[in-house]
Amino acid sequence: MTTSNPRVRKAVIPAAGLGTRFLPATKAMPKEMLPVVDKPAIQYVVEEAVGVGLNDVLMITGRNKRALEDHFDRVPSLESTLTDKGDTKKLESIQAASNLGDIHYVRQGDPNGLGHAVLRARQHVGNEPFAVLLGDDLIDARDELLGTMIDVQAKTGGSVVALIEVDPSQISAYGCADIQELDGEGYVRINRLVEKPSPDEAPSNLAVIGRYVLHPAVFDVLEETGPGRGGEIQLTDALQELATGEGEGYGVYGVVFRGRRYDTGDKLSYLKACVQLAVDSDDLGPGLREWLPGFAAQLSK
């Protein structure tokens, strides 16, 4: 099905969470600013959006998130100091963050869930499809996902979620998709979404991860969506209605991602992500790969 929908131009990044899993580190610093190797996690997400042409980025923030704005702003005094020192590499690294794209900010206000955070983007997004990127999932820049999802949205005219295959025993930690295969297509249709089902009740082992490309019809649905799991407005509930209803912008599809994904949602997965990305880096990788086997051998004694 070919549609005449406008192409996705804008990205929305919800970043209003309190980061309680990382306390006390996040008492005074946003969890999105926790470093992953040599960049804060949020920068990887913005770079992903900009990398597929989404130069208009809206962050949904909250209290104590000023550091996010500061990170993507220029610091002329620091730039001048690095210029005087001739430290071109560091100068380029800080300028890269401030030159990424056109970044806007709006506060969520009440912490009423992901659905509410997405709804706060309505005025900025307008009546056009848009991407939502969650900061807990980092997608390796060498692997294609968001661009494929944008193409699927343009083709179907609906909304698109990213899926990964997980061990069935782990599905209760995710939203789970009941899908329908589509002949000759590189994507699937979502029949329904089940939030954190038990392994016995899960319709598949396909888990929803933090990348969405949404039709603006989601805003009207979210306006009418009441509190769900945890007493919050859940984006999953709105997507469920879009998947089963009819009308312009209805229909939800899924792209199964089999590339490299780094989970930073809790302390252990965050540490794993740091190691994985550091091992692959040009400067730290060789030394870390040389050190790790010996360290692992010591642990086994």
Protein backbone atom coordinates (compact mmCIF):
# COMPACT_ATOMS: atom_id res chain seq x y z
CA MET A 1 0.00 0.00 0.00
CA THR A 2 1.42 3.37 -1.01
CA THR A 3 0.34 6.52 0.82
CA SER A 4 0.74 10.22 0.31
CA ASN A 5 1.80 10.88 3.90
CA PRO A 6 4.55 13.42 4.42
CA ARG A 7 8.00 12.00 5.11
CA VAL A 8 9.14 11.80 8.72
CA ARG A 9 11.20 14.87 9.63
CA LYS A 10 11.02 15.11 13.41
CA ALA A 11 12.23 13.00 16.30
CA VAL A 12 10.86 13.00 19.83
CA ILE A 13 13.08 11.83 22.70
CA PRO A 14 11.34 11.39 26.06
CA ALA A 15 13.86 12.25 28.78
CA ALA A 16 11.80 13.18 31.84
CA GLY A 17 12.37 10.02 33.89
CA LEU A 18 13.87 10.21 37.37
CA GLY A 19 16.46 7.50 36.80
CA THR A 20 15.81 5.89 40.18
CA ARG A 21 17.54 2.65 39.14
CA PHE A 22 20.83 4.53 39.06
CA LEU A 23 20.61 6.31 42.39
CA PRO A 24 22.60 7.84 43.98
CA ALA A 25 24.47 8.67 40.72
CA THR A 26 21.33 10.30 39.29
CA LYS A 27 20.42 12.32 42.37
CA ALA A 28 21.77 15.49 40.76
CA MET A 29 22.52 14.33 37.20
CA PRO A 30 20.05 13.14 34.56
CA LYS A 31 20.39 9.44 33.81
CA GLU A 32 20.58 10.37 30.12
CA MET A 33 23.89 12.10 30.85
CA LEU A 34 25.55 9.00 32.26
CA PRO A 35 28.64 8.39 30.08
CA VAL A 36 28.76 5.41 27.77
CA VAL A 37 32.50 5.23 27.05
CA ASP A 38 33.18 8.87 26.12
CA LYS A 39 29.74 10.30 25.32
CA PRO A 40 26.56 10.64 27.35
CA ALA A 41 23.90 8.09 26.40
CA ILE A 42 21.56 10.78 25.09
CA GLN A 43 24.10 11.86 22.45
CA TYR A 44 24.07 8.41 20.85
CA VAL A 45 20.29 8.68 20.51
CA VAL A 46 20.37 12.16 18.97
CA GLU A 47 23.12 11.05 16.58
CA GLU A 48 20.94 8.13 15.49
CA ALA A 49 18.04 10.44 14.68
CA VAL A 50 20.20 12.95 12.84
CA GLY A 51 21.90 10.12 10.97
CA VAL A 52 18.67 9.33 9.11
CA GLY A 53 17.87 12.97 8.39
CA LEU A 54 15.76 13.84 11.45
CA ASN A 55 17.43 17.13 12.23
CA ASP A 56 14.44 18.51 14.14
CA VAL A 57 14.65 16.93 17.60
CA LEU A 58 12.28 17.56 20.51
CA MET A 59 13.30 16.39 23.98
CA ILE A 60 10.59 15.90 26.58
CA THR A 61 12.29 16.83 29.82
CA GLY A 62 11.49 17.48 33.47
CA ARG A 63 12.98 18.97 36.58
CA ASN A 64 16.77 18.69 37.06
CA LYS A 65 17.33 18.09 33.34
CA ARG A 66 19.14 21.35 32.58
CA ALA A 67 22.36 19.42 31.93
CA LEU A 68 20.78 18.01 28.76
CA GLU A 69 20.33 21.48 27.31
CA ASP A 70 23.80 22.52 28.40
CA HIS A 71 25.40 19.51 26.74
CA PHE A 72 23.99 20.35 23.31
CA ASP A 73 24.72 24.06 23.68
CA ARG A 74 27.95 25.80 22.78
CA VAL A 75 30.55 26.68 25.43
CA PRO A 76 32.63 29.46 23.84
CA SER A 77 35.06 29.71 26.77
CA LEU A 78 35.86 26.00 26.63
CA GLU A 79 36.19 26.11 22.85
CA SER A 80 38.58 29.05 23.16
CA THR A 81 40.68 27.22 25.77
CA LEU A 82 40.96 24.11 23.60
CA THR A 83 41.80 26.24 20.56
CA ASP A 84 44.60 27.98 22.47
CA LYS A 85 45.97 24.60 23.54
CA GLY A 86 45.81 23.28 20.00
CA ASP A 87 43.68 20.35 21.20
CA THR A 88 41.82 19.91 17.93
CA LYS A 89 40.46 16.45 18.72
CA LYS A 90 38.67 17.50 21.91
CA LEU A 91 37.49 20.73 20.30
CA GLU A 92 35.88 18.78 17.46
CA SER A 93 34.26 16.37 19.91
CA ILE A 94 32.45 19.09 21.88
CA GLN A 95 31.49 21.01 18.75
CA ALA A 96 29.99 17.83 17.30
CA ALA A 97 27.42 17.73 20.11
CA SER A 98 26.37 21.37 19.68
CA ASN A 99 26.16 21.09 15.88
CA LEU A 100 24.05 17.93 15.67
CA GLY A 101 20.72 19.46 14.77
CA ASP A 102 17.91 21.80 15.73
CA ILE A 103 17.11 20.65 19.27
CA HIS A 104 14.04 21.86 21.16
CA TYR A 105 12.85 21.19 24.70
CA VAL A 106 9.48 20.98 26.41
CA ARG A 107 8.75 19.84 29.94
CA GLN A 108 6.44 16.96 30.62
CA GLY A 109 5.16 18.46 33.86
CA ASP A 110 3.35 15.63 35.60
CA PRO A 111 5.19 12.30 35.24
CA ASN A 112 2.21 10.44 33.80
CA GLY A 113 3.97 7.87 31.65
CA LEU A 114 5.40 7.45 28.17
CA GLY A 115 2.06 8.03 26.47
CA HIS A 116 1.70 11.36 28.24
CA ALA A 117 5.27 12.34 27.29
CA VAL A 118 4.54 11.60 23.62
CA LEU A 119 1.32 13.61 23.83
CA ARG A 120 3.32 16.63 25.03
CA ALA A 121 4.98 16.65 21.59
CA ARG A 122 1.71 17.28 19.74
CA GLN A 123 2.07 21.01 19.23
CA HIS A 124 5.64 20.67 17.96
CA VAL A 125 5.01 17.68 15.70
CA GLY A 126 1.75 18.83 14.16
CA ASN A 127 -0.09 16.65 11.67
CA GLU A 128 2.79 14.59 10.34
CA PRO A 129 4.42 11.27 11.20
CA PHE A 130 7.33 11.34 13.63
CA ALA A 131 9.86 9.11 15.32
CA VAL A 132 10.13 8.38 19.04
CA LEU A 133 13.47 7.21 20.40
CA LEU A 134 13.89 6.01 23.97
CA GLY A 135 17.26 6.53 25.59
CA ASP A 136 17.50 3.13 27.29
CA ASP A 137 18.09 1.43 23.93
CA LEU A 138 21.22 2.34 21.99
CA ILE A 139 21.32 1.07 18.41
CA ASP A 140 24.73 0.53 16.87
CA ALA A 141 25.38 3.13 14.17
CA ARG A 142 26.64 0.36 11.86
CA ASP A 143 23.22 -1.34 11.81
CA GLU A 144 20.12 -0.11 10.03
CA LEU A 145 16.83 0.24 11.92
CA LEU A 146 15.27 3.70 12.10
CA GLY A 147 15.62 4.39 8.38
CA THR A 148 13.89 1.08 7.60
CA MET A 149 11.07 1.91 10.00
CA ILE A 150 10.58 5.30 8.32
CA ASP A 151 10.33 3.57 4.94
CA VAL A 152 7.73 1.13 6.30
CA GLN A 153 5.68 3.96 7.74
CA ALA A 154 5.72 5.77 4.39
CA LYS A 155 4.59 2.60 2.63
CA THR A 156 1.84 1.57 5.04
CA GLY A 157 0.58 4.90 6.33
CA GLY A 158 0.28 3.49 9.85
CA SER A 159 2.60 3.33 12.83
CA VAL A 160 5.71 1.17 13.18
CA VAL A 161 7.40 -0.40 16.20
CA ALA A 162 10.80 -2.04 16.51
CA LEU A 163 10.91 -5.68 17.62
CA ILE A 164 13.65 -8.02 18.76
CA GLU A 165 13.61 -11.75 19.38
CA VAL A 166 14.23 -12.63 23.02
CA ASP A 167 14.46 -15.86 24.94
CA PRO A 168 10.85 -16.80 25.83
CA SER A 169 11.80 -16.83 29.51
CA GLN A 170 12.65 -13.10 29.26
CA ILE A 171 9.50 -11.89 27.50
CA SER A 172 7.82 -10.82 30.76
CA ALA A 173 10.25 -7.88 30.91
CA TYR A 174 8.91 -6.43 27.64
CA GLY A 175 5.86 -5.53 25.69
CA CYS A 176 5.13 -8.50 23.43
CA ALA A 177 3.75 -8.49 19.88
CA ASP A 178 1.19 -10.85 18.38
CA ILE A 179 2.06 -10.61 14.68
CA GLN A 180 0.90 -11.58 11.22
CA GLU A 181 3.51 -12.32 8.58
CA LEU A 182 3.03 -10.42 5.30
CA ASP A 183 4.04 -12.25 2.13
CA GLY A 184 6.93 -10.65 0.31
CA GLU A 185 7.43 -7.90 2.88
CA GLY A 186 10.32 -7.23 5.22
CA TYR A 187 7.97 -6.24 8.03
CA VAL A 188 5.03 -7.74 9.92
CA ARG A 189 1.58 -6.56 10.92
CA ILE A 190 0.82 -6.21 14.63
CA ASN A 191 -2.44 -7.85 15.66
CA ARG A 192 -2.15 -6.86 19.30
CA LEU A 193 0.36 -5.87 21.95
CA VAL A 194 0.56 -7.48 25.37
CA GLU A 195 2.41 -5.61 28.11
CA LYS A 196 4.86 -7.82 30.05
CA PRO A 197 3.05 -11.16 29.69
CA SER A 198 4.12 -14.30 31.51
CA PRO A 199 5.97 -16.78 29.25
CA ASP A 200 2.86 -19.01 29.24
CA GLU A 201 0.62 -16.18 28.04
CA ALA A 202 2.99 -14.53 25.54
CA PRO A 203 1.79 -14.75 21.92
CA SER A 204 5.39 -14.73 20.62
CA ASN A 205 8.98 -14.09 21.63
CA LEU A 206 9.01 -10.75 19.81
CA ALA A 207 9.62 -7.89 22.22
CA VAL A 208 8.99 -4.20 21.60
CA ILE A 209 12.06 -2.00 22.07
CA GLY A 210 12.41 1.76 22.28
CA ARG A 211 12.02 2.85 18.66
CA TYR A 212 8.70 3.95 17.15
CA VAL A 213 7.61 5.76 14.01
CA LEU A 214 4.12 7.03 14.67
CA HIS A 215 1.28 8.43 12.61
CA PRO A 216 -0.15 11.63 14.16
CA ALA A 217 -3.43 9.77 14.69
CA VAL A 218 -1.77 8.52 17.87
CA PHE A 219 -2.33 11.94 19.46
CA ASP A 220 -6.13 11.75 19.31
CA VAL A 221 -5.98 8.23 20.73
CA LEU A 222 -3.68 9.30 23.56
CA GLU A 223 -6.05 12.16 24.42
CA GLU A 224 -8.71 9.53 25.16
CA THR A 225 -6.42 6.94 26.76
CA GLY A 226 -6.88 6.61 30.49
CA PRO A 227 -4.27 5.46 33.00
CA GLY A 228 -3.14 1.91 32.47
CA ARG A 229 -0.37 -0.15 33.99
CA GLY A 230 1.21 1.65 36.96
CA GLY A 231 -1.49 4.32 36.88
CA GLU A 232 0.20 6.00 33.90
CA ILE A 233 -0.85 6.75 30.33
CA GLN A 234 0.79 3.96 28.36
CA LEU A 235 1.86 4.34 24.74
CA THR A 236 1.28 0.59 24.37
CA ASP A 237 -2.44 1.07 25.11
CA ALA A 238 -2.73 3.67 22.35
CA LEU A 239 -0.84 1.47 19.89
CA GLN A 240 -3.17 -1.40 20.74
CA GLU A 241 -6.15 0.73 19.71
CA LEU A 242 -4.39 1.81 16.51
CA ALA A 243 -3.62 -1.84 15.73
CA THR A 244 -7.21 -3.04 16.06
CA GLY A 245 -9.18 -0.01 14.89
CA GLU A 246 -9.91 1.41 11.45
CA GLY A 247 -9.41 4.83 9.92
CA GLU A 248 -6.71 7.11 8.63
CA GLY A 249 -3.43 6.39 10.35
CA TYR A 250 -4.62 3.13 11.87
CA GLY A 251 -2.68 -0.10 11.52
CA VAL A 252 0.53 -0.93 13.39
CA TYR A 253 3.48 -2.74 11.83
CA GLY A 254 6.71 -4.14 13.14
CA VAL A 255 10.32 -4.29 11.95
CA VAL A 256 12.32 -7.14 13.49
CA PHE A 257 15.79 -5.88 14.35
CA ARG A 258 18.65 -8.38 14.42
CA GLY A 259 21.55 -5.96 14.71
CA ARG A 260 23.55 -4.71 17.66
CA ARG A 261 21.56 -3.16 20.48
CA TYR A 262 22.88 -1.95 23.81
CA ASP A 263 20.53 -1.85 26.78
CA THR A 264 21.28 0.85 29.36
CA GLY A 265 18.09 0.43 31.36
CA ASP A 266 19.64 -0.85 34.58
CA LYS A 267 23.06 -0.91 36.21
CA LEU A 268 24.19 -4.31 34.96
CA SER A 269 23.03 -3.83 31.37
CA TYR A 270 24.50 -0.33 31.39
CA LEU A 271 27.92 -1.71 32.40
CA LYS A 272 27.68 -4.37 29.70
CA ALA A 273 26.87 -1.70 27.11
CA CYS A 274 29.90 0.34 28.17
CA VAL A 275 32.18 -2.68 27.78
CA GLN A 276 30.68 -3.71 24.43
CA LEU A 277 31.07 -0.27 22.91
CA ALA A 278 34.53 0.26 24.39
CA VAL A 279 35.75 -3.05 22.95
CA ASP A 280 34.67 -1.87 19.48
CA SER A 281 36.22 1.59 19.78
CA ASP A 282 39.37 2.40 17.84
CA ASP A 283 41.28 3.96 20.73
CA LEU A 284 40.21 1.87 23.72
CA GLY A 285 39.38 -1.40 21.98
CA PRO A 286 42.86 -2.88 21.46
CA GLY A 287 43.95 -2.38 25.06
CA LEU A 288 40.64 -3.54 26.49
CA ARG A 289 40.57 -6.69 24.34
CA GLU A 290 44.09 -7.50 25.50
CA TRP A 291 43.18 -7.00 29.17
CA LEU A 292 39.78 -8.70 29.34
CA PRO A 293 40.85 -12.37 28.86
CA GLY A 294 43.32 -12.16 31.72
CA PHE A 295 40.77 -10.46 33.95
CA ALA A 296 38.16 -13.12 33.12
CA ALA A 297 40.70 -15.87 33.85
CA GLN A 298 41.31 -14.43 37.31
CA LEU A 299 37.59 -14.53 38.04
CA SER A 300 37.40 -18.24 37.22
CA LYS A 301 40.09 -19.19 39.74
